């Protein structure tokens, strides 16, 4: 079992920054890659960023150059640094970890970017 809990969301003006965190607990040794997803009202959940067990990263085109995913294995925390935020980044943000064929999700943290 893996438990994920996001934090750090909030209201920010366009051009601002936020840092999301995802606290990981449970059978942590079994976690390899971790992801951030987001879902805007009325839209499908979409991929944002991934970090592998070897800390290789990849991003959705819409956030490349603005968002940075990282992880602290000692503190068992996943991060998403979001800079130059745009109104279209407004969404509920979720961290996710696939483990042994099961996808674990957090409850989400809301990010709202005002224009």
C-alpha atoms as a PDB file:
ATOM      1  CA  UNK A   1       0.000   0.000   0.000  1.00  0.00           C
ATOM      2  CA  UNK A   2       1.116   3.500  -0.860  1.00  0.00           C
ATOM      3  CA  UNK A   3      -0.376   6.714   0.444  1.00  0.00           C
ATOM      4  CA  UNK A   4       0.082  10.041  -1.340  1.00  0.00           C
ATOM      5  CA  UNK A   5      -0.872  13.486  -0.048  1.00  0.00           C
ATOM      6  CA  UNK A   6      -0.489  16.665  -2.083  1.00  0.00           C
ATOM      7  CA  UNK A   7      -0.136  20.194  -0.708  1.00  0.00           C
ATOM      8  CA  UNK A   8       0.983  23.626  -1.810  1.00  0.00           C
ATOM      9  CA  UNK A   9      -1.830  24.638  -4.125  1.00  0.00           C
ATOM     10  CA  UNK A  10      -3.490  28.029  -3.978  1.00  0.00           C
ATOM     11  CA  UNK A  11      -4.463  31.180  -5.816  1.00  0.00           C
ATOM     12  CA  UNK A  12      -1.745  33.015  -7.716  1.00  0.00           C
ATOM     13  CA  UNK A  13      -1.626  35.741 -10.342  1.00  0.00           C
ATOM     14  CA  UNK A  14      -0.491  34.997 -13.869  1.00  0.00           C
ATOM     15  CA  UNK A  15       3.303  35.010 -14.041  1.00  0.00           C
ATOM     16  CA  UNK A  16       3.612  33.845 -10.459  1.00  0.00           C
ATOM     17  CA  UNK A  17       5.024  30.650  -8.998  1.00  0.00           C
ATOM     18  CA  UNK A  18       3.895  27.808  -6.763  1.00  0.00           C
ATOM     19  CA  UNK A  19       5.627  24.716  -5.421  1.00  0.00           C
ATOM     20  CA  UNK A  20       3.519  21.617  -4.985  1.00  0.00           C
ATOM     21  CA  UNK A  21       4.544  18.811  -2.668  1.00  0.00           C
ATOM     22  CA  UNK A  22       3.435  15.187  -2.484  1.00  0.00           C
ATOM     23  CA  UNK A  23       4.200  13.327   0.734  1.00  0.00           C
ATOM     24  CA  UNK A  24       4.678   9.594   0.207  1.00  0.00           C
ATOM     25  CA  UNK A  25       4.139   6.922   2.841  1.00  0.00           C
ATOM     26  CA  UNK A  26       3.604   3.170   2.951  1.00  0.00           C
ATOM     27  CA  UNK A  27       5.642   0.629   0.973  1.00  0.00           C
ATOM     28  CA  UNK A  28       7.947   3.296  -0.359  1.00  0.00           C
ATOM     29  CA  UNK A  29      10.721   0.921  -1.451  1.00  0.00           C
ATOM     30  CA  UNK A  30       8.444  -0.398  -4.207  1.00  0.00           C
ATOM     31  CA  UNK A  31       8.017   3.017  -5.852  1.00  0.00           C
ATOM     32  CA  UNK A  32       9.984   3.717  -9.008  1.00  0.00           C
ATOM     33  CA  UNK A  33       8.570   6.423 -11.275  1.00  0.00           C
ATOM     34  CA  UNK A  34       6.260   9.142  -9.986  1.00  0.00           C
ATOM     35  CA  UNK A  35       4.005  11.478 -11.913  1.00  0.00           C
ATOM     36  CA  UNK A  36       2.062  14.703 -11.708  1.00  0.00           C
ATOM     37  CA  UNK A  37      -1.286  14.976 -13.480  1.00  0.00           C
ATOM     38  CA  UNK A  38      -3.873  17.715 -13.566  1.00  0.00           C
ATOM     39  CA  UNK A  39      -7.558  18.024 -14.339  1.00  0.00           C
ATOM     40  CA  UNK A  40      -9.321  21.258 -15.222  1.00  0.00           C
ATOM     41  CA  UNK A  41     -13.104  21.617 -14.853  1.00  0.00           C
ATOM     42  CA  UNK A  42     -14.890  19.878 -17.716  1.00  0.00           C
ATOM     43  CA  UNK A  43     -11.689  18.392 -19.107  1.00  0.00           C
ATOM     44  CA  UNK A  44      -9.937  15.036 -19.038  1.00  0.00           C
ATOM     45  CA  UNK A  45      -7.152  14.397 -16.583  1.00  0.00           C
ATOM     46  CA  UNK A  46      -3.843  15.084 -18.347  1.00  0.00           C
ATOM     47  CA  UNK A  47      -0.217  14.185 -17.815  1.00  0.00           C
ATOM     48  CA  UNK A  48       2.038  16.972 -16.549  1.00  0.00           C
ATOM     49  CA  UNK A  49       5.413  15.484 -15.596  1.00  0.00           C
ATOM     50  CA  UNK A  50       7.201  12.261 -14.668  1.00  0.00           C
ATOM     51  CA  UNK A  51      10.394  11.450 -12.799  1.00  0.00           C
ATOM     52  CA  UNK A  52      11.906   7.980 -13.022  1.00  0.00           C
ATOM     53  CA  UNK A  53      13.700   6.012 -10.354  1.00  0.00           C
ATOM     54  CA  UNK A  54      16.935   7.222 -11.923  1.00  0.00           C
ATOM     55  CA  UNK A  55      15.645  10.840 -11.799  1.00  0.00           C
ATOM     56  CA  UNK A  56      15.168  11.136 -15.547  1.00  0.00           C
ATOM     57  CA  UNK A  57      12.340  13.573 -16.227  1.00  0.00           C
ATOM     58  CA  UNK A  58       9.823  14.311 -18.927  1.00  0.00           C
ATOM     59  CA  UNK A  59       7.123  16.940 -19.308  1.00  0.00           C
ATOM     60  CA  UNK A  60       3.993  17.752 -21.231  1.00  0.00           C
ATOM     61  CA  UNK A  61       4.743  20.229 -24.002  1.00  0.00           C
ATOM     62  CA  UNK A  62       2.433  22.769 -22.384  1.00  0.00           C
ATOM     63  CA  UNK A  63       4.645  23.038 -19.271  1.00  0.00           C
ATOM     64  CA  UNK A  64       8.148  22.465 -20.638  1.00  0.00           C
ATOM     65  CA  UNK A  65      10.532  25.201 -19.573  1.00  0.00           C
ATOM     66  CA  UNK A  66       8.150  26.401 -16.834  1.00  0.00           C
ATOM     67  CA  UNK A  67       7.641  23.404 -14.516  1.00  0.00           C
ATOM     68  CA  UNK A  68      10.268  21.261 -12.801  1.00  0.00           C
ATOM     69  CA  UNK A  69       9.620  17.884 -11.182  1.00  0.00           C
ATOM     70  CA  UNK A  70      11.956  16.610  -8.475  1.00  0.00           C
ATOM     71  CA  UNK A  71      11.998  14.160  -5.590  1.00  0.00           C
ATOM     72  CA  UNK A  72      13.648  13.946  -2.177  1.00  0.00           C
ATOM     73  CA  UNK A  73      14.075  10.264  -1.367  1.00  0.00           C
ATOM     74  CA  UNK A  74      15.241  10.991   2.179  1.00  0.00           C
ATOM     75  CA  UNK A  75      12.087  12.995   2.947  1.00  0.00           C
ATOM     76  CA  UNK A  76       9.910  10.745   0.746  1.00  0.00           C
ATOM     77  CA  UNK A  77       8.499  13.756  -1.045  1.00  0.00           C
ATOM     78  CA  UNK A  78       7.760  14.578  -4.670  1.00  0.00           C
ATOM     79  CA  UNK A  79       7.778  18.205  -5.815  1.00  0.00           C
ATOM     80  CA  UNK A  80       6.513  20.244  -8.738  1.00  0.00           C
ATOM     81  CA  UNK A  81       7.984  23.734  -9.063  1.00  0.00           C
ATOM     82  CA  UNK A  82       5.694  25.798 -11.280  1.00  0.00           C
ATOM     83  CA  UNK A  83       6.934  29.110 -12.657  1.00  0.00           C
ATOM     84  CA  UNK A  84       5.481  31.609 -15.123  1.00  0.00           C
ATOM     85  CA  UNK A  85       2.011  30.312 -14.365  1.00  0.00           C
ATOM     86  CA  UNK A  86      -0.784  30.946 -16.846  1.00  0.00           C
ATOM     87  CA  UNK A  87      -4.570  30.977 -16.375  1.00  0.00           C
ATOM     88  CA  UNK A  88      -4.727  27.774 -18.420  1.00  0.00           C
ATOM     89  CA  UNK A  89      -2.672  26.039 -15.713  1.00  0.00           C
ATOM     90  CA  UNK A  90      -5.714  26.287 -13.428  1.00  0.00           C
ATOM     91  CA  UNK A  91      -6.628  22.743 -12.395  1.00  0.00           C
ATOM     92  CA  UNK A  92      -6.642  20.177  -9.638  1.00  0.00           C
ATOM     93  CA  UNK A  93      -3.143  18.707  -9.482  1.00  0.00           C
ATOM     94  CA  UNK A  94      -2.567  15.075  -8.495  1.00  0.00           C
ATOM     95  CA  UNK A  95       0.545  13.057  -7.797  1.00  0.00           C
ATOM     96  CA  UNK A  96       0.508   9.430  -8.839  1.00  0.00           C
ATOM     97  CA  UNK A  97       2.699   6.366  -8.403  1.00  0.00           C
ATOM     98  CA  UNK A  98       2.304   3.132 -10.361  1.00  0.00           C
ATOM     99  CA  UNK A  99       3.359   0.206  -8.167  1.00  0.00           C
ATOM    100  CA  UNK A 100       3.157  -3.451  -9.222  1.00  0.00           C
ATOM    101  CA  UNK A 101       0.417  -2.748 -11.716  1.00  0.00           C
ATOM    102  CA  UNK A 102      -1.652  -0.583  -9.366  1.00  0.00           C
ATOM    103  CA  UNK A 103      -1.947   3.206  -9.807  1.00  0.00           C
ATOM    104  CA  UNK A 104      -1.959   5.083  -6.510  1.00  0.00           C
ATOM    105  CA  UNK A 105      -3.291   8.655  -6.436  1.00  0.00           C
ATOM    106  CA  UNK A 106      -3.400  11.474  -3.961  1.00  0.00           C
ATOM    107  CA  UNK A 107      -6.513  13.509  -3.226  1.00  0.00           C
ATOM    108  CA  UNK A 108      -5.304  16.488  -5.246  1.00  0.00           C
ATOM    109  CA  UNK A 109      -4.463  20.122  -4.561  1.00  0.00           C
ATOM    110  CA  UNK A 110      -6.177  23.011  -6.327  1.00  0.00           C
ATOM    111  CA  UNK A 111      -4.158  25.536  -8.328  1.00  0.00           C
ATOM    112  CA  UNK A 112      -5.950  28.647  -9.547  1.00  0.00           C
ATOM    113  CA  UNK A 113      -4.171  31.218 -11.716  1.00  0.00           C
ATOM    114  CA  UNK A 114      -5.884  34.577 -12.140  1.00  0.00           C
ATOM    115  CA  UNK A 115      -5.322  36.754 -15.194  1.00  0.00           C
END
